[in-house]
Every structure is written in structure tokens, then in C-alpha cells.
Protein backbone atom coordinates (compact mmCIF):
# COMPACT_ATOMS: atom_id res chain seq x y z
CA MET A 1 -1.64 -59.58 13.97
CA ALA A 2 -0.50 -59.25 17.70
CA PRO A 3 2.97 -57.90 18.30
CA THR A 4 5.74 -60.00 19.85
CA GLY A 5 8.96 -59.32 21.61
CA LEU A 6 7.95 -56.44 23.95
CA PRO A 7 11.06 -55.92 26.12
CA ARG A 8 10.66 -57.39 29.61
CA GLY A 9 11.70 -55.85 32.85
CA GLY A 10 13.85 -57.24 35.60
CA GLY A 11 17.61 -57.58 36.05
CA GLY A 12 18.27 -53.84 35.66
CA GLY A 13 17.71 -53.87 31.95
CA GLY A 14 17.73 -50.94 29.47
CA GLY A 15 15.47 -47.94 29.24
CA GLY A 16 13.00 -49.70 26.96
CA ALA A 17 12.18 -52.58 29.34
CA ALA A 18 8.59 -53.14 30.41
CA PRO A 19 8.55 -53.00 34.27
CA ARG A 20 6.44 -55.08 36.55
CA LEU A 21 4.30 -52.56 38.39
CA GLU A 22 4.08 -52.27 42.15
CA ARG A 23 0.46 -52.58 43.34
CA PRO A 24 0.27 -49.49 45.77
CA GLY A 25 -0.88 -46.16 44.16
CA PRO A 26 -3.17 -45.27 41.26
CA LEU A 27 -2.67 -48.32 39.11
CA CYS A 28 -4.03 -46.70 35.99
CA ASP A 29 -1.63 -43.86 36.37
CA ARG A 30 1.29 -46.15 36.78
CA VAL A 31 0.26 -48.19 33.66
CA HIS A 32 -0.15 -45.03 31.66
CA GLU A 33 3.31 -43.78 32.63
CA ALA A 34 4.88 -47.18 31.88
CA LEU A 35 3.31 -47.38 28.42
CA LEU A 36 4.17 -43.68 27.77
CA GLY A 37 7.80 -44.44 28.66
CA LEU A 38 7.83 -47.38 26.18
CA ILE A 39 6.35 -45.22 23.43
CA THR A 40 8.69 -42.24 23.93
CA THR A 41 11.71 -44.46 24.06
CA ARG A 42 10.35 -46.25 20.96
CA ALA A 43 10.42 -49.64 22.56
CA LEU A 44 6.83 -49.49 21.29
CA ARG A 45 7.48 -48.08 17.87
CA PRO A 46 5.12 -45.80 15.78
CA GLY A 47 2.38 -47.92 14.18
CA ARG A 48 2.80 -50.75 16.71
CA HIS A 49 -0.52 -52.57 17.57
CA LEU A 50 -1.22 -52.07 21.30
CA VAL A 51 -2.84 -55.37 22.29
CA GLU A 52 -4.50 -55.01 25.76
CA SER A 53 -3.86 -58.68 26.79
CA GLU A 54 -0.23 -58.65 25.71
CA LEU A 55 0.45 -55.30 27.53
CA ALA A 56 -1.40 -56.53 30.63
CA GLY A 57 0.75 -59.59 30.73
CA HIS A 58 3.99 -57.86 30.38
CA LEU A 59 3.10 -55.28 33.01
CA GLY A 60 1.58 -57.85 35.43
CA VAL A 61 -1.83 -56.22 35.63
CA PHE A 62 -5.42 -56.87 34.62
CA ARG A 63 -6.70 -55.52 31.23
CA ARG A 64 -8.93 -52.83 32.73
CA PRO A 65 -6.18 -50.41 33.79
CA VAL A 66 -4.40 -51.02 30.41
CA ARG A 67 -7.63 -50.14 28.64
CA GLU A 68 -8.07 -46.93 30.70
CA ALA A 69 -4.35 -46.06 30.02
CA LEU A 70 -4.85 -46.51 26.32
CA GLN A 71 -7.77 -44.21 26.43
CA ARG A 72 -5.68 -41.51 28.05
CA LEU A 73 -2.88 -42.03 25.60
CA HIS A 74 -5.43 -41.61 22.70
CA ALA A 75 -6.69 -38.35 24.31
CA GLU A 76 -3.11 -37.03 24.63
CA GLY A 77 -2.29 -37.99 20.94
CA TRP A 78 0.05 -40.88 21.64
CA ALA A 79 -2.18 -43.65 20.38
CA ASP A 80 -4.65 -43.89 17.53
CA PRO A 81 -7.79 -46.16 17.67
CA ARG A 82 -8.77 -47.98 14.39
CA PRO A 83 -12.23 -49.43 13.98
CA ALA A 84 -12.44 -53.12 14.62
CA GLN A 85 -8.65 -53.31 15.08
CA GLY A 86 -7.84 -51.63 18.39
CA ALA A 87 -5.28 -49.08 19.31
CA PHE A 88 -1.92 -48.38 17.59
CA VAL A 89 0.98 -46.20 18.53
CA HIS A 90 0.56 -42.78 16.83
CA GLU A 91 2.78 -42.31 13.79
CA PRO A 92 4.14 -38.84 13.80
CA THR A 93 4.34 -36.88 10.57
CA GLU A 94 7.11 -34.48 9.40
CA GLU A 95 4.57 -31.61 9.72
CA GLU A 96 3.80 -32.44 13.32
CA ALA A 97 7.52 -32.56 14.14
CA GLY A 98 8.09 -29.26 12.49
CA GLN A 99 5.14 -27.64 14.36
CA LEU A 100 6.42 -28.89 17.64
CA LEU A 101 9.96 -27.60 17.12
CA THR A 102 8.53 -24.33 15.99
CA VAL A 103 6.52 -24.04 19.14
CA ARG A 104 9.59 -25.05 21.18
CA THR A 105 11.25 -21.84 19.95
CA LEU A 106 8.38 -19.60 21.02
CA PRO A 107 7.03 -19.04 24.52
CA GLU A 108 8.19 -22.31 26.23
CA ALA A 109 11.61 -22.11 24.69
CA GLU A 110 11.84 -18.59 25.82
CA ALA A 111 10.93 -19.82 29.31
CA GLU A 112 13.55 -22.46 29.02
CA ALA A 113 16.17 -19.90 27.97
CA GLU A 114 15.14 -17.67 30.89
CA ALA A 115 15.49 -20.72 33.22
CA ALA A 116 19.12 -20.72 32.30
CA ARG A 117 19.59 -17.47 34.16
CA PRO A 118 19.00 -18.80 37.60
CA ALA A 119 21.06 -21.91 36.55
CA ALA A 120 24.03 -19.50 36.09
CA GLY A 121 23.15 -17.28 38.96
CA ASN A 122 22.71 -20.20 41.44
CA ALA A 123 25.38 -22.36 39.98
CA GLY A 124 27.43 -24.27 42.52
CA SER A 125 30.30 -26.69 41.73
CA GLU A 126 28.10 -29.64 42.08
CA GLY A 127 25.51 -28.29 39.52
CA VAL A 128 28.28 -27.46 37.08
CA GLN A 129 29.87 -30.91 37.48
CA ALA A 130 26.54 -32.55 36.86
CA LEU A 131 26.12 -30.71 33.51
CA GLU A 132 29.67 -31.47 32.56
CA ALA A 133 29.22 -35.14 33.32
CA ILE A 134 25.98 -35.28 31.19
CA LEU A 135 27.92 -33.45 28.40
CA ALA A 136 30.65 -36.03 28.46
CA GLU A 137 28.19 -38.94 28.45
CA GLY A 138 26.27 -37.27 25.49
CA LEU A 139 29.46 -36.88 23.48
CA GLU A 140 30.38 -40.48 24.08
CA ALA A 141 26.81 -41.74 23.10
CA VAL A 142 27.03 -39.83 19.77
CA ARG A 143 30.59 -41.07 19.01
CA SER A 144 29.45 -44.59 19.74
CA ASP A 145 26.45 -44.19 17.47
CA ALA A 146 24.05 -44.80 20.43
CA ALA A 147 21.30 -42.44 19.22
CA ASP A 148 18.65 -43.50 21.80
CA ALA A 149 21.10 -42.91 24.61
CA ALA A 150 22.05 -39.46 23.18
CA VAL A 151 18.41 -38.34 23.00
CA ALA A 152 17.71 -39.47 26.52
CA LEU A 153 20.76 -37.64 27.75
CA ASN A 154 19.79 -34.54 25.89
CA ALA A 155 16.41 -34.43 27.68
CA ARG A 156 18.31 -34.94 30.98
CA PHE A 157 20.62 -32.12 30.08
CA HIS A 158 17.87 -29.66 29.47
CA ALA A 159 16.04 -30.73 32.62
CA THR A 160 19.25 -30.27 34.70
CA VAL A 161 19.67 -26.72 33.25
CA ARG A 162 16.04 -25.85 34.32
CA GLU A 163 16.36 -27.28 37.75
CA PRO A 164 17.78 -24.35 39.60
CA ALA A 165 14.88 -22.22 38.55
CA GLY A 166 12.55 -24.17 40.89
CA ASN A 167 9.67 -23.11 38.76
CA ALA A 168 7.03 -25.72 38.86
CA VAL A 169 4.76 -23.95 36.35
CA LEU A 170 7.69 -24.16 33.88
CA ALA A 171 8.72 -27.66 34.81
CA GLY A 172 5.38 -29.35 33.96
CA PRO A 173 4.87 -28.03 30.38
CA ALA A 174 8.57 -28.15 29.58
CA ALA A 175 8.75 -31.80 30.61
CA GLN A 176 5.86 -32.63 28.39
CA VAL A 177 7.41 -30.81 25.46
CA ASP A 178 10.76 -32.55 26.14
CA ARG A 179 9.03 -35.89 26.09
CA ARG A 180 7.40 -35.27 22.66
CA VAL A 181 10.47 -33.76 21.22
CA ARG A 182 12.44 -36.84 22.25
CA TRP A 183 9.95 -38.99 20.52
CA TYR A 184 9.78 -36.99 17.28
CA CYS A 185 13.60 -36.28 17.15
CA THR A 186 15.04 -39.73 17.80
CA PRO A 187 15.16 -40.55 14.09
CA VAL A 188 17.15 -37.34 13.42
CA ALA A 189 19.47 -37.59 16.31
CA ARG A 190 22.33 -38.87 14.19
CA GLN A 191 21.97 -35.89 11.84
CA ARG A 192 22.48 -33.49 14.75
CA GLY A 193 25.01 -35.79 16.34
CA GLU A 194 28.10 -34.30 17.85
CA ARG A 195 27.15 -30.78 16.75
CA SER A 196 24.25 -30.70 19.23
CA TRP A 197 26.54 -31.71 22.11
CA THR A 198 29.26 -29.23 20.99
CA GLU A 199 26.51 -26.49 21.20
CA HIS A 200 25.84 -27.53 24.88
CA ARG A 201 29.48 -26.78 25.83
CA GLU A 202 28.92 -22.96 25.65
CA PRO A 203 25.91 -22.68 27.94
CA VAL A 204 27.64 -24.89 30.46
CA ALA A 205 30.66 -22.57 30.40
CA ALA A 206 28.38 -19.69 30.86
CA VAL A 207 26.72 -21.33 33.81
CA ALA A 208 30.04 -22.15 35.33
CA ALA A 209 31.08 -18.45 34.84
CA ARG A 210 27.72 -17.29 36.27
CA ASP A 211 27.08 -15.39 33.18
CA GLU A 212 23.20 -15.28 33.26
CA GLN A 213 22.63 -13.31 29.98
CA SER A 214 24.94 -15.45 27.99
CA ALA A 215 23.41 -18.71 29.42
CA ALA A 216 20.02 -17.60 28.29
CA ARG A 217 21.08 -16.41 24.97
CA LEU A 218 23.01 -19.64 24.19
CA MET A 219 20.12 -21.96 25.28
CA ARG A 220 17.80 -19.97 22.97
CA GLU A 221 20.24 -20.29 20.02
CA HIS A 222 20.71 -23.97 20.61
CA THR A 223 16.95 -24.59 20.38
CA GLU A 224 16.73 -22.52 17.17
CA HIS A 225 19.61 -24.59 15.63
CA THR A 226 17.65 -27.83 16.42
CA ARG A 227 14.56 -26.45 14.67
CA ARG A 228 16.52 -25.41 11.55
CA SER A 229 18.22 -28.71 11.41
CA HIS A 230 14.88 -30.51 11.36
CA HIS A 231 13.47 -28.27 8.71
CA ALA A 232 16.51 -28.78 6.58
CA ARG A 233 15.91 -32.53 6.81
CA GLU A 234 12.35 -32.09 5.76
CA ASP A 235 13.50 -30.00 2.71
CA SER A 236 16.18 -32.34 1.61
């Protein structure tokens, strides 16, 4: 059965709205990015039937770029084809989420922790204020039980910490991991809740104090706490 109710764009709507795409530029890439955004924000939820004609209509494009984008999403593990049925949003397993969070505590998480060093070393007042503003928004989101907003702000927080490193090699893989972590961890955001954002306070304070070693250590510990929390949920 074809899905209904895909959020529409326009009017400055929320993060899950399906935008009308501008024509200039590689259209397939833009369709891919739009669909990936809808999947990672769970506007298109796990198990959702991805109907080419419906998606094309909502994005204002022909079916061919949608078909090509779905093929890419399948190759990347975001969509699953089913014989004679079409494509469906991948349904992540607890094992997959656990593996991802384990990986996040290994080399890439170590790289992110090390990225906190230049954040502290190069911290200016504007950078510290940006982190403090995200921290305040995140705390407000969890206190308002706005789990989706809290998860999005968490990704923004980590990206802002990495920004002063200016490391394009780190930025690409880290952004990919962040996107998948956001997708997997949205259902457990309430479990981590305010504790996660309280943990963010210490690395922000270390950045403000230009304490590079503490900033790196605290980011590493924060990532490990997230992994342990998820495993505790699996075992309960």
C-alpha cells in the first residue's frame, strides 16, 4: 500500500518537510540528499515504502532521478529493495546500532576527541558563545521532551566542536557517522536526555579555558557514555 502524508515543504516548515528542489545542479544528488534528510530525521520512518511516483511528486521532479537516488540509498544501506514490492527505508537492528556506537568509540571517535584540542586552542569568544547557545537549546529541547530537536542539536554541537580543526579528511567521515548515529539513536534520545547535555557542559568549559587536554579527554568520555547507555538499553 502506498504511503500517505509525506511532509510538504514551503512556509519555512520543520526539519522533516520535503523541499521543492531547485533545478540547477546535479538533480540526482539533490534528490538523494533530500531523501537522506527525510530518512535521518525519521520523516520517512524505518520500514516506510518508498514509492517513486509519490516521492517525485513531493519533490517536484521526474521519477528517474528518484529511482537513481533510491539506488544510491540502497548501496549506502539506507534503503532495502524487496522483490516485486519496491524499496523500503532500512529498519536498523539493535546489533547494528551497537556496532556503530562501538566504532564511534574507536578511531573516528578518537579523531573527534583530538579535534577538540584545536577547538580549545583556537577558541575565541564567538566560538565559545556558539557552543553555549547550542548547549542551552539542547537542554531546553530535552526538558520540553522534543527528542528530535535534541538529537539534531547534538549533531550540531559535535560538528561545531570539530569546526576549528579545519580537517576536511576528518569532517567527511565524521559527518557520515553523525548522520547514522542520529538515525539510530533518536529512539533512545529520551533515555540519555538531560544527562547527555549535562556532559556537554564540561568540554565547553574546557574549550572556554583553552584546556586542550581536558577538552579531548572529556569528548572521548562523553562518546563512551553514549555507547554504554545504548548497550544498557539493549540488555534491559
